[in-house]
Amino acid sequence: MSKTVIIPASTWFELTRQLNEISNAIQANDLVGREEACKILNISSKTLTNYLALGKITPDTINELDQMFFSRARLVGLKKKETA
């Protein structure tokens, strides 16, 4: 049996806004730059460039200065997949 909770719309909108902010902060903390990505994967910058060209790795986001950022969690997953 489910229970229904009724809350004011303003409270609901504030809660969802705060949850979105938390989600964005977590996502931003997960992003690493090129140098850190190379350290995580234990590869050189040139190897990372080759992986990018071959499509083996794709950046999660690119900022307005064309700097690439990668998800730490995804890189760790790739590293585990390589060693398995």
PDB file of N, CA and C in Angstrom:
ATOM      1  N   MET A   1       0.845  -1.164   0.000  1.00  0.00           N
ATOM      2  CA  MET A   1       0.000   0.000   0.000  1.00  0.00           C
ATOM      3  C   MET A   1       0.901   1.242   0.000  1.00  0.00           C
ATOM      4  N   SER A   2       0.687   2.125  -0.929  1.00  0.00           N
ATOM      5  CA  SER A   2       1.500   3.329  -1.004  1.00  0.00           C
ATOM      6  C   SER A   2       0.802   4.480  -0.283  1.00  0.00           C
ATOM      7  N   LYS A   3       1.617   5.344   0.234  1.00  0.00           N
ATOM      8  CA  LYS A   3       1.081   6.514   0.923  1.00  0.00           C
ATOM      9  C   LYS A   3       1.383   7.746   0.084  1.00  0.00           C
ATOM     10  N   THR A   4       0.467   8.648   0.027  1.00  0.00           N
ATOM     11  CA  THR A   4       0.640   9.878  -0.720  1.00  0.00           C
ATOM     12  C   THR A   4       0.937  11.006   0.262  1.00  0.00           C
ATOM     13  N   VAL A   5       1.954  11.775  -0.076  1.00  0.00           N
ATOM     14  CA  VAL A   5       2.315  12.929   0.741  1.00  0.00           C
ATOM     15  C   VAL A   5       2.026  14.176  -0.084  1.00  0.00           C
ATOM     16  N   ILE A   6       1.367  15.106   0.500  1.00  0.00           N
ATOM     17  CA  ILE A   6       1.040  16.348  -0.199  1.00  0.00           C
ATOM     18  C   ILE A   6       1.907  17.448   0.387  1.00  0.00           C
ATOM     19  N   ILE A   7       2.666  18.093  -0.518  1.00  0.00           N
ATOM     20  CA  ILE A   7       3.505  19.213  -0.090  1.00  0.00           C
ATOM     21  C   ILE A   7       3.206  20.405  -0.992  1.00  0.00           C
ATOM     22  N   PRO A   8       3.444  21.602  -0.504  1.00  0.00           N
ATOM     23  CA  PRO A   8       3.214  22.786  -1.333  1.00  0.00           C
ATOM     24  C   PRO A   8       4.128  22.775  -2.573  1.00  0.00           C
ATOM     25  N   ALA A   9       3.626  23.309  -3.655  1.00  0.00           N
ATOM     26  CA  ALA A   9       4.388  23.342  -4.906  1.00  0.00           C
ATOM     27  C   ALA A   9       5.708  24.071  -4.735  1.00  0.00           C
ATOM     28  N   SER A  10       5.717  25.157  -3.964  1.00  0.00           N
ATOM     29  CA  SER A  10       6.967  25.912  -3.783  1.00  0.00           C
ATOM     30  C   SER A  10       8.022  25.055  -3.087  1.00  0.00           C
ATOM     31  N   THR A  11       7.618  24.239  -2.140  1.00  0.00           N
ATOM     32  CA  THR A  11       8.555  23.336  -1.452  1.00  0.00           C
ATOM     33  C   THR A  11       9.070  22.280  -2.424  1.00  0.00           C
ATOM     34  N   TRP A  12       8.170  21.731  -3.238  1.00  0.00           N
ATOM     35  CA  TRP A  12       8.570  20.722  -4.220  1.00  0.00           C
ATOM     36  C   TRP A  12       9.582  21.303  -5.213  1.00  0.00           C
ATOM     37  N   PHE A  13       9.318  22.487  -5.725  1.00  0.00           N
ATOM     38  CA  PHE A  13      10.226  23.101  -6.686  1.00  0.00           C
ATOM     39  C   PHE A  13      11.586  23.393  -6.051  1.00  0.00           C
ATOM     40  N   GLU A  14      11.597  23.809  -4.808  1.00  0.00           N
ATOM     41  CA  GLU A  14      12.858  24.066  -4.111  1.00  0.00           C
ATOM     42  C   GLU A  14      13.638  22.764  -3.902  1.00  0.00           C
ATOM     43  N   LEU A  15      12.952  21.705  -3.550  1.00  0.00           N
ATOM     44  CA  LEU A  15      13.616  20.401  -3.372  1.00  0.00           C
ATOM     45  C   LEU A  15      14.220  19.898  -4.684  1.00  0.00           C
ATOM     46  N   THR A  16      13.464  20.009  -5.767  1.00  0.00           N
ATOM     47  CA  THR A  16      13.989  19.547  -7.051  1.00  0.00           C
ATOM     48  C   THR A  16      15.147  20.425  -7.516  1.00  0.00           C
ATOM     49  N   ARG A  17      15.103  21.720  -7.240  1.00  0.00           N
ATOM     50  CA  ARG A  17      16.213  22.606  -7.598  1.00  0.00           C
ATOM     51  C   ARG A  17      17.475  22.196  -6.847  1.00  0.00           C
ATOM     52  N   GLN A  18      17.326  21.930  -5.550  1.00  0.00           N
ATOM     53  CA  GLN A  18      18.478  21.530  -4.741  1.00  0.00           C
ATOM     54  C   GLN A  18      19.036  20.184  -5.184  1.00  0.00           C
ATOM     55  N   LEU A  19      18.165  19.255  -5.541  1.00  0.00           N
ATOM     56  CA  LEU A  19      18.632  17.953  -6.032  1.00  0.00           C
ATOM     57  C   LEU A  19      19.393  18.104  -7.346  1.00  0.00           C
ATOM     58  N   ASN A  20      18.929  18.990  -8.211  1.00  0.00           N
ATOM     59  CA  ASN A  20      19.639  19.244  -9.469  1.00  0.00           C
ATOM     60  C   ASN A  20      21.016  19.846  -9.214  1.00  0.00           C
ATOM     61  N   GLU A  21      21.110  20.750  -8.252  1.00  0.00           N
ATOM     62  CA  GLU A  21      22.401  21.345  -7.902  1.00  0.00           C
ATOM     63  C   GLU A  21      23.362  20.285  -7.369  1.00  0.00           C
ATOM     64  N   ILE A  22      22.858  19.404  -6.526  1.00  0.00           N
ATOM     65  CA  ILE A  22      23.696  18.331  -5.991  1.00  0.00           C
ATOM     66  C   ILE A  22      24.163  17.414  -7.114  1.00  0.00           C
ATOM     67  N   SER A  23      23.263  17.070  -8.002  1.00  0.00           N
ATOM     68  CA  SER A  23      23.610  16.211  -9.136  1.00  0.00           C
ATOM     69  C   SER A  23      24.682  16.858 -10.008  1.00  0.00           C
ATOM     70  N   ASN A  24      24.548  18.146 -10.284  1.00  0.00           N
ATOM     71  CA  ASN A  24      25.539  18.861 -11.095  1.00  0.00           C
ATOM     72  C   ASN A  24      26.890  18.923 -10.398  1.00  0.00           C
ATOM     73  N   ALA A  25      26.892  19.118  -9.090  1.00  0.00           N
ATOM     74  CA  ALA A  25      28.146  19.177  -8.339  1.00  0.00           C
ATOM     75  C   ALA A  25      28.852  17.828  -8.353  1.00  0.00           C
ATOM     76  N   ILE A  26      28.102  16.762  -8.199  1.00  0.00           N
ATOM     77  CA  ILE A  26      28.697  15.421  -8.228  1.00  0.00           C
ATOM     78  C   ILE A  26      29.274  15.143  -9.600  1.00  0.00           C
ATOM     79  N   GLN A  27      28.551  15.499 -10.615  1.00  0.00           N
ATOM     80  CA  GLN A  27      29.012  15.267 -11.984  1.00  0.00           C
ATOM     81  C   GLN A  27      30.277  16.079 -12.265  1.00  0.00           C
ATOM     82  N   ALA A  28      30.343  17.314 -11.817  1.00  0.00           N
ATOM     83  CA  ALA A  28      31.519  18.159 -12.045  1.00  0.00           C
ATOM     84  C   ALA A  28      32.729  17.620 -11.296  1.00  0.00           C
ATOM     85  N   ASN A  29      32.530  17.075 -10.100  1.00  0.00           N
ATOM     86  CA  ASN A  29      33.637  16.512  -9.332  1.00  0.00           C
ATOM     87  C   ASN A  29      34.195  15.261  -9.979  1.00  0.00           C
ATOM     88  N   ASP A  30      33.407  14.587 -10.805  1.00  0.00           N
ATOM     89  CA  ASP A  30      33.837  13.359 -11.453  1.00  0.00           C
ATOM     90  C   ASP A  30      34.714  13.631 -12.666  1.00  0.00           C
ATOM     91  N   LEU A  31      34.697  14.847 -13.194  1.00  0.00           N
ATOM     92  CA  LEU A  31      35.430  15.151 -14.410  1.00  0.00           C
ATOM     93  C   LEU A  31      36.905  15.428 -14.129  1.00  0.00           C
ATOM     94  N   VAL A  32      37.760  14.875 -14.999  1.00  0.00           N
ATOM     95  CA  VAL A  32      39.197  15.102 -14.885  1.00  0.00           C
ATOM     96  C   VAL A  32      39.721  15.576 -16.236  1.00  0.00           C
ATOM     97  N   GLY A  33      40.846  16.268 -16.191  1.00  0.00           N
ATOM     98  CA  GLY A  33      41.479  16.752 -17.405  1.00  0.00           C
ATOM     99  C   GLY A  33      42.346  15.697 -18.063  1.00  0.00           C
ATOM    100  N   ARG A  34      43.006  16.094 -19.107  1.00  0.00           N
ATOM    101  CA  ARG A  34      43.826  15.182 -19.909  1.00  0.00           C
ATOM    102  C   ARG A  34      44.957  14.550 -19.087  1.00  0.00           C
ATOM    103  N   GLU A  35      45.653  15.367 -18.317  1.00  0.00           N
ATOM    104  CA  GLU A  35      46.794  14.861 -17.546  1.00  0.00           C
ATOM    105  C   GLU A  35      46.349  13.805 -16.534  1.00  0.00           C
ATOM    106  N   GLU A  36      45.270  14.098 -15.826  1.00  0.00           N
ATOM    107  CA  GLU A  36      44.757  13.148 -14.830  1.00  0.00           C
ATOM    108  C   GLU A  36      44.231  11.885 -15.514  1.00  0.00           C
ATOM    109  N   ALA A  37      43.623  12.029 -16.693  1.00  0.00           N
ATOM    110  CA  ALA A  37      43.131  10.866 -17.442  1.00  0.00           C
ATOM    111  C   ALA A  37      44.291   9.940 -17.813  1.00  0.00           C
ATOM    112  N   CYS A  38      45.403  10.531 -18.224  1.00  0.00           N
ATOM    113  CA  CYS A  38      46.583   9.732 -18.564  1.00  0.00           C
ATOM    114  C   CYS A  38      47.105   8.983 -17.331  1.00  0.00           C
ATOM    115  N   LYS A  39      47.087   9.645 -16.178  1.00  0.00           N
ATOM    116  CA  LYS A  39      47.541   8.995 -14.945  1.00  0.00           C
ATOM    117  C   LYS A  39      46.624   7.834 -14.570  1.00  0.00           C
ATOM    118  N   ILE A  40      45.323   8.043 -14.678  1.00  0.00           N
ATOM    119  CA  ILE A  40      44.371   6.995 -14.322  1.00  0.00           C
ATOM    120  C   ILE A  40      44.558   5.775 -15.213  1.00  0.00           C
ATOM    121  N   LEU A  41      44.725   6.016 -16.514  1.00  0.00           N
ATOM    122  CA  LEU A  41      44.879   4.911 -17.463  1.00  0.00           C
ATOM    123  C   LEU A  41      46.312   4.395 -17.548  1.00  0.00           C
ATOM    124  N   ASN A  42      47.239   5.128 -16.928  1.00  0.00           N
ATOM    125  CA  ASN A  42      48.662   4.771 -16.961  1.00  0.00           C
ATOM    126  C   ASN A  42      49.173   4.709 -18.404  1.00  0.00           C
ATOM    127  N   ILE A  43      48.851   5.767 -19.154  1.00  0.00           N
ATOM    128  CA  ILE A  43      49.287   5.874 -20.542  1.00  0.00           C
ATOM    129  C   ILE A  43      49.889   7.256 -20.757  1.00  0.00           C
ATOM    130  N   SER A  44      50.605   7.404 -21.875  1.00  0.00           N
ATOM    131  CA  SER A  44      51.186   8.703 -22.203  1.00  0.00           C
ATOM    132  C   SER A  44      50.149   9.589 -22.890  1.00  0.00           C
ATOM    133  N   SER A  45      50.457  10.860 -22.979  1.00  0.00           N
ATOM    134  CA  SER A  45      49.570  11.803 -23.644  1.00  0.00           C
ATOM    135  C   SER A  45      49.422  11.447 -25.125  1.00  0.00           C
ATOM    136  N   LYS A  46      50.497  10.976 -25.732  1.00  0.00           N
ATOM    137  CA  LYS A  46      50.455  10.583 -27.146  1.00  0.00           C
ATOM    138  C   LYS A  46      49.528   9.382 -27.345  1.00  0.00           C
ATOM    139  N   THR A  47      49.584   8.433 -26.427  1.00  0.00           N
ATOM    140  CA  THR A  47      48.697   7.269 -26.510  1.00  0.00           C
ATOM    141  C   THR A  47      47.246   7.706 -26.371  1.00  0.00           C
ATOM    142  N   LEU A  48      46.987   8.646 -25.468  1.00  0.00           N
ATOM    143  CA  LEU A  48      45.623   9.163 -25.305  1.00  0.00           C
ATOM    144  C   LEU A  48      45.160   9.819 -26.602  1.00  0.00           C
ATOM    145  N   THR A  49      46.029  10.574 -27.253  1.00  0.00           N
ATOM    146  CA  THR A  49      45.696  11.204 -28.530  1.00  0.00           C
ATOM    147  C   THR A  49      45.333  10.140 -29.563  1.00  0.00           C
ATOM    148  N   ASN A  50      46.104   9.060 -29.594  1.00  0.00           N
ATOM    149  CA  ASN A  50      45.812   7.969 -30.535  1.00  0.00           C
ATOM    150  C   ASN A  50      44.472   7.308 -30.210  1.00  0.00           C
ATOM    151  N   TYR A  51      44.205   7.067 -28.923  1.00  0.00           N
ATOM    152  CA  TYR A  51      42.932   6.474 -28.515  1.00  0.00           C
ATOM    153  C   TYR A  51      41.768   7.377 -28.912  1.00  0.00           C
ATOM    154  N   LEU A  52      41.952   8.693 -28.757  1.00  0.00           N
ATOM    155  CA  LEU A  52      40.905   9.635 -29.143  1.00  0.00           C
ATOM    156  C   LEU A  52      40.662   9.577 -30.652  1.00  0.00           C
ATOM    157  N   ALA A  53      41.742   9.521 -31.433  1.00  0.00           N
ATOM    158  CA  ALA A  53      41.623   9.470 -32.891  1.00  0.00           C
ATOM    159  C   ALA A  53      40.936   8.185 -33.351  1.00  0.00           C
ATOM    160  N   LEU A  54      41.205   7.077 -32.650  1.00  0.00           N
ATOM    161  CA  LEU A  54      40.615   5.788 -33.019  1.00  0.00           C
ATOM    162  C   LEU A  54      39.205   5.606 -32.463  1.00  0.00           C
ATOM    163  N   GLY A  55      38.779   6.515 -31.597  1.00  0.00           N
ATOM    164  CA  GLY A  55      37.456   6.412 -31.003  1.00  0.00           C
ATOM    165  C   GLY A  55      37.378   5.450 -29.831  1.00  0.00           C
ATOM    166  N   LYS A  56      38.532   5.012 -29.317  1.00  0.00           N
ATOM    167  CA  LYS A  56      38.536   4.106 -28.161  1.00  0.00           C
ATOM    168  C   LYS A  56      38.113   4.838 -26.895  1.00  0.00           C
ATOM    169  N   ILE A  57      38.404   6.130 -26.831  1.00  0.00           N
ATOM    170  CA  ILE A  57      38.032   6.978 -25.707  1.00  0.00           C
ATOM    171  C   ILE A  57      37.412   8.242 -26.283  1.00  0.00           C
ATOM    172  N   THR A  58      36.340   8.680 -25.663  1.00  0.00           N
ATOM    173  CA  THR A  58      35.719   9.941 -26.073  1.00  0.00           C
ATOM    174  C   THR A  58      35.603  10.841 -24.843  1.00  0.00           C
ATOM    175  N   PRO A  59      35.839  12.126 -25.015  1.00  0.00           N
ATOM    176  CA  PRO A  59      35.686  13.037 -23.874  1.00  0.00           C
ATOM    177  C   PRO A  59      34.213  13.152 -23.486  1.00  0.00           C
ATOM    178  N   ASP A  60      33.975  13.352 -22.203  1.00  0.00           N
ATOM    179  CA  ASP A  60      32.599  13.514 -21.728  1.00  0.00           C
ATOM    180  C   ASP A  60      32.103  14.928 -21.953  1.00  0.00           C
ATOM    181  N   THR A  61      33.026  15.870 -21.951  1.00  0.00           N
ATOM    182  CA  THR A  61      32.646  17.253 -22.221  1.00  0.00           C
ATOM    183  C   THR A  61      33.861  18.001 -22.758  1.00  0.00           C
ATOM    184  N   ILE A  62      33.590  19.022 -23.535  1.00  0.00           N
ATOM    185  CA  ILE A  62      34.637  19.901 -24.070  1.00  0.00           C
ATOM    186  C   ILE A  62      34.181  21.325 -23.784  1.00  0.00           C
ATOM    187  N   ASN A  63      35.054  22.095 -23.120  1.00  0.00           N
ATOM    188  CA  ASN A  63      34.636  23.454 -22.765  1.00  0.00           C
ATOM    189  C   ASN A  63      34.853  24.421 -23.924  1.00  0.00           C
ATOM    190  N   GLU A  64      34.562  25.685 -23.690  1.00  0.00           N
ATOM    191  CA  GLU A  64      34.652  26.696 -24.755  1.00  0.00           C
ATOM    192  C   GLU A  64      36.075  26.940 -25.234  1.00  0.00           C
ATOM    193  N   LEU A  65      37.070  26.486 -24.471  1.00  0.00           N
ATOM    194  CA  LEU A  65      38.475  26.617 -24.871  1.00  0.00           C
ATOM    195  C   LEU A  65      38.986  25.343 -25.538  1.00  0.00           C
ATOM    196  N   ASP A  66      38.072  24.439 -25.888  1.00  0.00           N
ATOM    197  CA  ASP A  66      38.368  23.151 -26.514  1.00  0.00           C
ATOM    198  C   ASP A  66      39.196  22.222 -25.622  1.00  0.00           C
ATOM    199  N   GLN A  67      39.107  22.417 -24.310  1.00  0.00           N
ATOM    200  CA  GLN A  67      39.756  21.495 -23.380  1.00  0.00           C
ATOM    201  C   GLN A  67      38.820  20.322 -23.142  1.00  0.00           C
ATOM    202  N   MET A  68      39.380  19.114 -23.194  1.00  0.00           N
ATOM    203  CA  MET A  68      38.584  17.912 -23.007  1.00  0.00           C
ATOM    204  C   MET A  68      38.601  17.492 -21.544  1.00  0.00           C
ATOM    205  N   PHE A  69      37.457  16.998 -21.090  1.00  0.00           N
ATOM    206  CA  PHE A  69      37.343  16.468 -19.744  1.00  0.00           C
ATOM    207  C   PHE A  69      36.706  15.085 -19.820  1.00  0.00           C
ATOM    208  N   PHE A  70      37.169  14.209 -18.957  1.00  0.00           N
ATOM    209  CA  PHE A  70      36.754  12.820 -18.980  1.00  0.00           C
ATOM    210  C   PHE A  70      36.163  12.432 -17.629  1.00  0.00           C
ATOM    211  N   SER A  71      35.223  11.509 -17.645  1.00  0.00           N
ATOM    212  CA  SER A  71      34.622  11.010 -16.412  1.00  0.00           C
ATOM    213  C   SER A  71      35.606  10.068 -15.722  1.00  0.00           C
ATOM    214  N   ARG A  72      35.951  10.380 -14.474  1.00  0.00           N
ATOM    215  CA  ARG A  72      36.875   9.540 -13.708  1.00  0.00           C
ATOM    216  C   ARG A  72      36.309   8.123 -13.587  1.00  0.00           C
ATOM    217  N   ALA A  73      35.026   8.011 -13.280  1.00  0.00           N
ATOM    218  CA  ALA A  73      34.402   6.693 -13.100  1.00  0.00           C
ATOM    219  C   ALA A  73      34.484   5.872 -14.387  1.00  0.00           C
ATOM    220  N   ARG A  74      34.247   6.514 -15.529  1.00  0.00           N
ATOM    221  CA  ARG A  74      34.309   5.794 -16.806  1.00  0.00           C
ATOM    222  C   ARG A  74      35.732   5.358 -17.128  1.00  0.00           C
ATOM    223  N   LEU A  75      36.713   6.218 -16.827  1.00  0.00           N
ATOM    224  CA  LEU A  75      38.112   5.860 -17.067  1.00  0.00           C
ATOM    225  C   LEU A  75      38.539   4.695 -16.191  1.00  0.00           C
ATOM    226  N   VAL A  76      38.124   4.717 -14.928  1.00  0.00           N
ATOM    227  CA  VAL A  76      38.452   3.608 -14.035  1.00  0.00           C
ATOM    228  C   VAL A  76      37.817   2.322 -14.557  1.00  0.00           C
ATOM    229  N   GLY A  77      36.605   2.422 -15.075  1.00  0.00           N
ATOM    230  CA  GLY A  77      35.946   1.256 -15.677  1.00  0.00           C
ATOM    231  C   GLY A  77      36.707   0.739 -16.882  1.00  0.00           C
ATOM    232  N   LEU A  78      37.225   1.638 -17.721  1.00  0.00           N
ATOM    233  CA  LEU A  78      38.036   1.227 -18.869  1.00  0.00           C
ATOM    234  C   LEU A  78      39.316   0.550 -18.411  1.00  0.00           C
ATOM    235  N   LYS A  79      39.916   1.096 -17.373  1.00  0.00           N
ATOM    236  CA  LYS A  79      41.159   0.529 -16.847  1.00  0.00           C
ATOM    237  C   LYS A  79      40.915  -0.882 -16.330  1.00  0.00           C
ATOM    238  N   LYS A  80      39.812  -1.089 -15.609  1.00  0.00           N
ATOM    239  CA  LYS A  80      39.490  -2.426 -15.090  1.00  0.00           C
ATOM    240  C   LYS A  80      39.222  -3.398 -16.230  1.00  0.00           C
ATOM    241  N   LYS A  81      38.558  -2.905 -17.304  1.00  0.00           N
ATOM    242  CA  LYS A  81      38.258  -3.750 -18.447  1.00  0.00           C
ATOM    243  C   LYS A  81      39.546  -4.196 -19.152  1.00  0.00           C
ATOM    244  N   GLU A  82      40.536  -3.292 -19.244  1.00  0.00           N
ATOM    245  CA  GLU A  82      41.807  -3.611 -19.892  1.00  0.00           C
ATOM    246  C   GLU A  82      42.593  -4.660 -19.119  1.00  0.00           C
ATOM    247  N   THR A  83      42.556  -4.570 -17.790  1.00  0.00           N
ATOM    248  CA  THR A  83      43.339  -5.497 -16.976  1.00  0.00           C
ATOM    249  C   THR A  83      42.664  -6.831 -16.791  1.00  0.00           C
ATOM    250  N   ALA A  84      41.366  -6.917 -17.114  1.00  0.00           N
ATOM    251  CA  ALA A  84      40.647  -8.186 -16.929  1.00  0.00           C
ATOM    252  C   ALA A  84      40.923  -9.156 -18.048  1.00  0.00           C
TER     253      ALA A  84
END
